[in-house]
Amino acid sequence: MVNETPSTSEKPTNEKFEIQHYIALWQHYEDRGGSDKDRMVTVVTWLLAFAAVILGFIATKYDFSAQSFKEKELAA
């Protein structure tokens, strides 16, 4: 059988939210947003570095005047 009694967090309370509750809530989401932003900056840095390496490789192996790769194996 399923226990249908609500847990303590689901029970309605008459507790009134005060300023310290809102401050704690804001700090929680601010910390979470800060860590998400740090993770996104790290991912973007790695993606930009990877794209720069690819473009650098192409720039050294591509003959722009003839509009073809210098080494034929790269074009296949």
PDB file of N, CA and C in Angstrom:
ATOM      1  N   MET A   1       0.831  -1.186   0.000  1.00  0.00           N
ATOM      2  CA  MET A   1       0.000   0.000   0.000  1.00  0.00           C
ATOM      3  C   MET A   1       0.873   1.246   0.000  1.00  0.00           C
ATOM      4  N   VAL A   2       0.335   2.274  -0.553  1.00  0.00           N
ATOM      5  CA  VAL A   2       1.056   3.533  -0.630  1.00  0.00           C
ATOM      6  C   VAL A   2       0.735   4.363   0.606  1.00  0.00           C
ATOM      7  N   ASN A   3       1.775   4.918   1.181  1.00  0.00           N
ATOM      8  CA  ASN A   3       1.597   5.796   2.330  1.00  0.00           C
ATOM      9  C   ASN A   3       1.110   7.150   1.828  1.00  0.00           C
ATOM     10  N   GLU A   4      -0.114   7.505   2.159  1.00  0.00           N
ATOM     11  CA  GLU A   4      -0.698   8.727   1.643  1.00  0.00           C
ATOM     12  C   GLU A   4      -0.615   9.897   2.609  1.00  0.00           C
ATOM     13  N   THR A   5       0.092   9.737   3.686  1.00  0.00           N
ATOM     14  CA  THR A   5       0.251  10.867   4.599  1.00  0.00           C
ATOM     15  C   THR A   5       1.338  11.780   4.056  1.00  0.00           C
ATOM     16  N   PRO A   6       1.085  13.060   4.011  1.00  0.00           N
ATOM     17  CA  PRO A   6       2.085  13.980   3.463  1.00  0.00           C
ATOM     18  C   PRO A   6       3.297  14.085   4.384  1.00  0.00           C
ATOM     19  N   SER A   7       4.437  14.334   3.770  1.00  0.00           N
ATOM     20  CA  SER A   7       5.639  14.514   4.577  1.00  0.00           C
ATOM     21  C   SER A   7       5.569  15.863   5.278  1.00  0.00           C
ATOM     22  N   THR A   8       6.529  16.102   6.145  1.00  0.00           N
ATOM     23  CA  THR A   8       6.493  17.346   6.920  1.00  0.00           C
ATOM     24  C   THR A   8       6.670  18.568   6.023  1.00  0.00           C
ATOM     25  N   SER A   9       7.377  18.418   4.885  1.00  0.00           N
ATOM     26  CA  SER A   9       7.561  19.575   4.014  1.00  0.00           C
ATOM     27  C   SER A   9       6.297  19.874   3.204  1.00  0.00           C
ATOM     28  N   GLU A  10       5.406  18.909   3.085  1.00  0.00           N
ATOM     29  CA  GLU A  10       4.183  19.115   2.314  1.00  0.00           C
ATOM     30  C   GLU A  10       3.020  19.596   3.167  1.00  0.00           C
ATOM     31  N   LYS A  11       3.143  19.508   4.456  1.00  0.00           N
ATOM     32  CA  LYS A  11       2.053  19.933   5.322  1.00  0.00           C
ATOM     33  C   LYS A  11       1.955  21.457   5.327  1.00  0.00           C
ATOM     34  N   PRO A  12       0.749  21.964   5.202  1.00  0.00           N
ATOM     35  CA  PRO A  12       0.609  23.424   5.264  1.00  0.00           C
ATOM     36  C   PRO A  12       0.902  23.937   6.667  1.00  0.00           C
ATOM     37  N   THR A  13       1.566  25.053   6.721  1.00  0.00           N
ATOM     38  CA  THR A  13       1.876  25.657   8.020  1.00  0.00           C
ATOM     39  C   THR A  13       1.324  27.071   8.051  1.00  0.00           C
ATOM     40  N   ASN A  14       1.220  27.584   9.226  1.00  0.00           N
ATOM     41  CA  ASN A  14       0.773  28.959   9.403  1.00  0.00           C
ATOM     42  C   ASN A  14       1.956  29.899   9.569  1.00  0.00           C
ATOM     43  N   GLU A  15       3.158  29.391   9.285  1.00  0.00           N
ATOM     44  CA  GLU A  15       4.354  30.216   9.445  1.00  0.00           C
ATOM     45  C   GLU A  15       4.341  31.332   8.401  1.00  0.00           C
ATOM     46  N   LYS A  16       4.598  32.511   8.855  1.00  0.00           N
ATOM     47  CA  LYS A  16       4.601  33.667   7.973  1.00  0.00           C
ATOM     48  C   LYS A  16       6.028  33.913   7.484  1.00  0.00           C
ATOM     49  N   PHE A  17       6.179  34.131   6.185  1.00  0.00           N
ATOM     50  CA  PHE A  17       7.497  34.413   5.649  1.00  0.00           C
ATOM     51  C   PHE A  17       7.934  35.806   6.062  1.00  0.00           C
ATOM     52  N   GLU A  18       9.161  35.865   6.535  1.00  0.00           N
ATOM     53  CA  GLU A  18       9.729  37.143   6.937  1.00  0.00           C
ATOM     54  C   GLU A  18      10.938  37.441   6.067  1.00  0.00           C
ATOM     55  N   ILE A  19      11.551  38.566   6.307  1.00  0.00           N
ATOM     56  CA  ILE A  19      12.640  39.032   5.453  1.00  0.00           C
ATOM     57  C   ILE A  19      13.805  38.042   5.419  1.00  0.00           C
ATOM     58  N   GLN A  20      14.108  37.377   6.527  1.00  0.00           N
ATOM     59  CA  GLN A  20      15.235  36.442   6.530  1.00  0.00           C
ATOM     60  C   GLN A  20      14.964  35.234   5.643  1.00  0.00           C
ATOM     61  N   HIS A  21      13.705  34.842   5.499  1.00  0.00           N
ATOM     62  CA  HIS A  21      13.360  33.748   4.593  1.00  0.00           C
ATOM     63  C   HIS A  21      13.614  34.153   3.142  1.00  0.00           C
ATOM     64  N   TYR A  22      13.207  35.361   2.804  1.00  0.00           N
ATOM     65  CA  TYR A  22      13.414  35.839   1.442  1.00  0.00           C
ATOM     66  C   TYR A  22      14.901  36.042   1.139  1.00  0.00           C
ATOM     67  N   ILE A  23      15.647  36.490   2.114  1.00  0.00           N
ATOM     68  CA  ILE A  23      17.096  36.659   1.933  1.00  0.00           C
ATOM     69  C   ILE A  23      17.757  35.303   1.727  1.00  0.00           C
ATOM     70  N   ALA A  24      17.380  34.309   2.507  1.00  0.00           N
ATOM     71  CA  ALA A  24      17.950  32.964   2.347  1.00  0.00           C
ATOM     72  C   ALA A  24      17.592  32.386   0.982  1.00  0.00           C
ATOM     73  N   LEU A  25      16.361  32.606   0.545  1.00  0.00           N
ATOM     74  CA  LEU A  25      15.934  32.125  -0.766  1.00  0.00           C
ATOM     75  C   LEU A  25      16.720  32.812  -1.878  1.00  0.00           C
ATOM     76  N   TRP A  26      16.896  34.120  -1.767  1.00  0.00           N
ATOM     77  CA  TRP A  26      17.659  34.867  -2.761  1.00  0.00           C
ATOM     78  C   TRP A  26      19.109  34.387  -2.794  1.00  0.00           C
ATOM     79  N   GLN A  27      19.722  34.163  -1.627  1.00  0.00           N
ATOM     80  CA  GLN A  27      21.107  33.700  -1.580  1.00  0.00           C
ATOM     81  C   GLN A  27      21.248  32.320  -2.216  1.00  0.00           C
ATOM     82  N   HIS A  28      20.275  31.463  -2.020  1.00  0.00           N
ATOM     83  CA  HIS A  28      20.326  30.127  -2.615  1.00  0.00           C
ATOM     84  C   HIS A  28      20.353  30.224  -4.134  1.00  0.00           C
ATOM     85  N   TYR A  29      19.424  30.977  -4.713  1.00  0.00           N
ATOM     86  CA  TYR A  29      19.353  31.077  -6.170  1.00  0.00           C
ATOM     87  C   TYR A  29      20.503  31.897  -6.737  1.00  0.00           C
ATOM     88  N   GLU A  30      21.025  32.848  -5.974  1.00  0.00           N
ATOM     89  CA  GLU A  30      22.167  33.626  -6.431  1.00  0.00           C
ATOM     90  C   GLU A  30      23.409  32.739  -6.503  1.00  0.00           C
ATOM     91  N   ASP A  31      23.611  31.874  -5.518  1.00  0.00           N
ATOM     92  CA  ASP A  31      24.731  30.934  -5.532  1.00  0.00           C
ATOM     93  C   ASP A  31      24.594  29.953  -6.694  1.00  0.00           C
ATOM     94  N   ARG A  32      23.399  29.476  -6.909  1.00  0.00           N
ATOM     95  CA  ARG A  32      23.156  28.531  -8.000  1.00  0.00           C
ATOM     96  C   ARG A  32      23.406  29.183  -9.355  1.00  0.00           C
ATOM     97  N   GLY A  33      22.938  30.402  -9.528  1.00  0.00           N
ATOM     98  CA  GLY A  33      23.161  31.122 -10.775  1.00  0.00           C
ATOM     99  C   GLY A  33      24.626  31.440 -10.994  1.00  0.00           C
ATOM    100  N   GLY A  34      25.341  31.759  -9.932  1.00  0.00           N
ATOM    101  CA  GLY A  34      26.775  32.031 -10.050  1.00  0.00           C
ATOM    102  C   GLY A  34      27.555  30.812 -10.492  1.00  0.00           C
ATOM    103  N   SER A  35      27.224  29.656  -9.954  1.00  0.00           N
ATOM    104  CA  SER A  35      27.933  28.436 -10.349  1.00  0.00           C
ATOM    105  C   SER A  35      27.584  28.049 -11.780  1.00  0.00           C
ATOM    106  N   ASP A  36      26.328  28.266 -12.194  1.00  0.00           N
ATOM    107  CA  ASP A  36      25.934  27.993 -13.579  1.00  0.00           C
ATOM    108  C   ASP A  36      26.688  28.903 -14.542  1.00  0.00           C
ATOM    109  N   LYS A  37      26.828  30.170 -14.168  1.00  0.00           N
ATOM    110  CA  LYS A  37      27.543  31.120 -15.021  1.00  0.00           C
ATOM    111  C   LYS A  37      29.008  30.719 -15.153  1.00  0.00           C
ATOM    112  N   ASP A  38      29.630  30.310 -14.059  1.00  0.00           N
ATOM    113  CA  ASP A  38      31.027  29.877 -14.105  1.00  0.00           C
ATOM    114  C   ASP A  38      31.199  28.669 -15.016  1.00  0.00           C
ATOM    115  N   ARG A  39      30.276  27.741 -14.951  1.00  0.00           N
ATOM    116  CA  ARG A  39      30.335  26.557 -15.802  1.00  0.00           C
ATOM    117  C   ARG A  39      30.175  26.942 -17.275  1.00  0.00           C
ATOM    118  N   MET A  40      29.262  27.864 -17.575  1.00  0.00           N
ATOM    119  CA  MET A  40      29.063  28.294 -18.956  1.00  0.00           C
ATOM    120  C   MET A  40      30.297  29.008 -19.499  1.00  0.00           C
ATOM    121  N   VAL A  41      30.942  29.825 -18.685  1.00  0.00           N
ATOM    122  CA  VAL A  41      32.157  30.519 -19.122  1.00  0.00           C
ATOM    123  C   VAL A  41      33.254  29.510 -19.420  1.00  0.00           C
ATOM    124  N   THR A  42      33.369  28.466 -18.614  1.00  0.00           N
ATOM    125  CA  THR A  42      34.367  27.427 -18.857  1.00  0.00           C
ATOM    126  C   THR A  42      34.100  26.699 -20.169  1.00  0.00           C
ATOM    127  N   VAL A  43      32.855  26.344 -20.418  1.00  0.00           N
ATOM    128  CA  VAL A  43      32.504  25.629 -21.652  1.00  0.00           C
ATOM    129  C   VAL A  43      32.768  26.511 -22.871  1.00  0.00           C
ATOM    130  N   VAL A  44      32.398  27.779 -22.805  1.00  0.00           N
ATOM    131  CA  VAL A  44      32.615  28.684 -23.930  1.00  0.00           C
ATOM    132  C   VAL A  44      34.106  28.860 -24.189  1.00  0.00           C
ATOM    133  N   THR A  45      34.903  28.941 -23.140  1.00  0.00           N
ATOM    134  CA  THR A  45      36.351  29.076 -23.312  1.00  0.00           C
ATOM    135  C   THR A  45      36.921  27.876 -24.045  1.00  0.00           C
ATOM    136  N   TRP A  46      36.532  26.678 -23.650  1.00  0.00           N
ATOM    137  CA  TRP A  46      37.012  25.469 -24.324  1.00  0.00           C
ATOM    138  C   TRP A  46      36.526  25.411 -25.768  1.00  0.00           C
ATOM    139  N   LEU A  47      35.280  25.780 -26.031  1.00  0.00           N
ATOM    140  CA  LEU A  47      34.763  25.753 -27.399  1.00  0.00           C
ATOM    141  C   LEU A  47      35.484  26.757 -28.296  1.00  0.00           C
ATOM    142  N   LEU A  48      35.742  27.950 -27.774  1.00  0.00           N
ATOM    143  CA  LEU A  48      36.462  28.943 -28.561  1.00  0.00           C
ATOM    144  C   LEU A  48      37.891  28.502 -28.839  1.00  0.00           C
ATOM    145  N   ALA A  49      38.538  27.887 -27.860  1.00  0.00           N
ATOM    146  CA  ALA A  49      39.904  27.387 -28.071  1.00  0.00           C
ATOM    147  C   ALA A  49      39.909  26.291 -29.131  1.00  0.00           C
ATOM    148  N   PHE A  50      38.960  25.394 -29.070  1.00  0.00           N
ATOM    149  CA  PHE A  50      38.873  24.313 -30.045  1.00  0.00           C
ATOM    150  C   PHE A  50      38.621  24.866 -31.442  1.00  0.00           C
ATOM    151  N   ALA A  51      37.721  25.839 -31.572  1.00  0.00           N
ATOM    152  CA  ALA A  51      37.438  26.448 -32.871  1.00  0.00           C
ATOM    153  C   ALA A  51      38.663  27.189 -33.401  1.00  0.00           C
ATOM    154  N   ALA A  52      39.426  27.853 -32.537  1.00  0.00           N
ATOM    155  CA  ALA A  52      40.633  28.556 -32.968  1.00  0.00           C
ATOM    156  C   ALA A  52      41.686  27.582 -33.476  1.00  0.00           C
ATOM    157  N   VAL A  53      41.808  26.432 -32.841  1.00  0.00           N
ATOM    158  CA  VAL A  53      42.763  25.418 -33.305  1.00  0.00           C
ATOM    159  C   VAL A  53      42.361  24.902 -34.680  1.00  0.00           C
ATOM    160  N   ILE A  54      41.093  24.650 -34.883  1.00  0.00           N
ATOM    161  CA  ILE A  54      40.630  24.163 -36.186  1.00  0.00           C
ATOM    162  C   ILE A  54      40.872  25.216 -37.271  1.00  0.00           C
ATOM    163  N   LEU A  55      40.526  26.472 -36.982  1.00  0.00           N
ATOM    164  CA  LEU A  55      40.739  27.528 -37.970  1.00  0.00           C
ATOM    165  C   LEU A  55      42.227  27.752 -38.233  1.00  0.00           C
ATOM    166  N   GLY A  56      43.046  27.646 -37.209  1.00  0.00           N
ATOM    167  CA  GLY A  56      44.487  27.771 -37.397  1.00  0.00           C
ATOM    168  C   GLY A  56      45.042  26.657 -38.256  1.00  0.00           C
ATOM    169  N   PHE A  57      44.579  25.460 -38.054  1.00  0.00           N
ATOM    170  CA  PHE A  57      45.014  24.323 -38.869  1.00  0.00           C
ATOM    171  C   PHE A  57      44.619  24.522 -40.325  1.00  0.00           C
ATOM    172  N   ILE A  58      43.387  24.962 -40.557  1.00  0.00           N
ATOM    173  CA  ILE A  58      42.919  25.186 -41.925  1.00  0.00           C
ATOM    174  C   ILE A  58      43.728  26.302 -42.579  1.00  0.00           C
ATOM    175  N   ALA A  59      44.021  27.362 -41.833  1.00  0.00           N
ATOM    176  CA  ALA A  59      44.763  28.487 -42.402  1.00  0.00           C
ATOM    177  C   ALA A  59      46.172  28.086 -42.820  1.00  0.00           C
ATOM    178  N   THR A  60      46.774  27.122 -42.122  1.00  0.00           N
ATOM    179  CA  THR A  60      48.125  26.704 -42.497  1.00  0.00           C
ATOM    180  C   THR A  60      48.125  25.672 -43.617  1.00  0.00           C
ATOM    181  N   LYS A  61      47.057  24.944 -43.815  1.00  0.00           N
ATOM    182  CA  LYS A  61      47.004  23.881 -44.819  1.00  0.00           C
ATOM    183  C   LYS A  61      46.205  24.252 -46.062  1.00  0.00           C
ATOM    184  N   TYR A  62      45.662  25.456 -46.115  1.00  0.00           N
ATOM    185  CA  TYR A  62      44.798  25.849 -47.232  1.00  0.00           C
ATOM    186  C   TYR A  62      45.511  26.906 -48.070  1.00  0.00           C
ATOM    187  N   ASP A  63      45.507  26.730 -49.359  1.00  0.00           N
ATOM    188  CA  ASP A  63      46.091  27.704 -50.281  1.00  0.00           C
ATOM    189  C   ASP A  63      44.952  28.598 -50.768  1.00  0.00           C
ATOM    190  N   PHE A  64      44.912  29.826 -50.235  1.00  0.00           N
ATOM    191  CA  PHE A  64      43.790  30.714 -50.538  1.00  0.00           C
ATOM    192  C   PHE A  64      43.817  31.226 -51.972  1.00  0.00           C
ATOM    193  N   SER A  65      44.992  31.353 -52.562  1.00  0.00           N
ATOM    194  CA  SER A  65      45.061  31.843 -53.942  1.00  0.00           C
ATOM    195  C   SER A  65      44.554  30.789 -54.933  1.00  0.00           C
ATOM    196  N   ALA A  66      44.840  29.513 -54.668  1.00  0.00           N
ATOM    197  CA  ALA A  66      44.361  28.441 -55.542  1.00  0.00           C
ATOM    198  C   ALA A  66      43.015  27.895 -55.084  1.00  0.00           C
ATOM    199  N   GLN A  67      42.568  28.301 -53.934  1.00  0.00           N
ATOM    200  CA  GLN A  67      41.315  27.868 -53.316  1.00  0.00           C
ATOM    201  C   GLN A  67      41.226  26.348 -53.220  1.00  0.00           C
ATOM    202  N   SER A  68      42.292  25.763 -52.696  1.00  0.00           N
ATOM    203  CA  SER A  68      42.306  24.319 -52.460  1.00  0.00           C
ATOM    204  C   SER A  68      43.311  24.017 -51.357  1.00  0.00           C
ATOM    205  N   PHE A  69      43.209  22.831 -50.799  1.00  0.00           N
ATOM    206  CA  PHE A  69      44.154  22.415 -49.770  1.00  0.00           C
ATOM    207  C   PHE A  69      45.495  22.089 -50.419  1.00  0.00           C
ATOM    208  N   LYS A  70      46.573  22.376 -49.702  1.00  0.00           N
ATOM    209  CA  LYS A  70      47.905  22.093 -50.197  1.00  0.00           C
ATOM    210  C   LYS A  70      48.158  20.594 -50.251  1.00  0.00           C
ATOM    211  N   GLU A  71      47.600  19.877 -49.319  1.00  0.00           N
ATOM    212  CA  GLU A  71      47.740  18.420 -49.276  1.00  0.00           C
ATOM    213  C   GLU A  71      46.403  17.805 -49.680  1.00  0.00           C
ATOM    214  N   LYS A  72      46.405  16.990 -50.662  1.00  0.00           N
ATOM    215  CA  LYS A  72      45.155  16.449 -51.216  1.00  0.00           C
ATOM    216  C   LYS A  72      44.426  15.527 -50.250  1.00  0.00           C
ATOM    217  N   GLU A  73      45.155  14.907 -49.292  1.00  0.00           N
ATOM    218  CA  GLU A  73      44.515  13.983 -48.359  1.00  0.00           C
ATOM    219  C   GLU A  73      43.518  14.714 -47.436  1.00  0.00           C
ATOM    220  N   LEU A  74      43.739  15.991 -47.201  1.00  0.00           N
ATOM    221  CA  LEU A  74      42.867  16.754 -46.307  1.00  0.00           C
ATOM    222  C   LEU A  74      41.515  17.053 -46.939  1.00  0.00           C
ATOM    223  N   ALA A  75      41.461  17.138 -48.241  1.00  0.00           N
ATOM    224  CA  ALA A  75      40.214  17.497 -48.916  1.00  0.00           C
ATOM    225  C   ALA A  75      39.284  16.297 -49.085  1.00  0.00           C
ATOM    226  N   ALA A  76      39.804  15.103 -48.961  1.00  0.00           N
ATOM    227  CA  ALA A  76      38.996  13.904 -49.208  1.00  0.00           C
ATOM    228  C   ALA A  76      38.117  13.561 -48.054  1.00  0.00           C
TER     229      ALA A  76
END
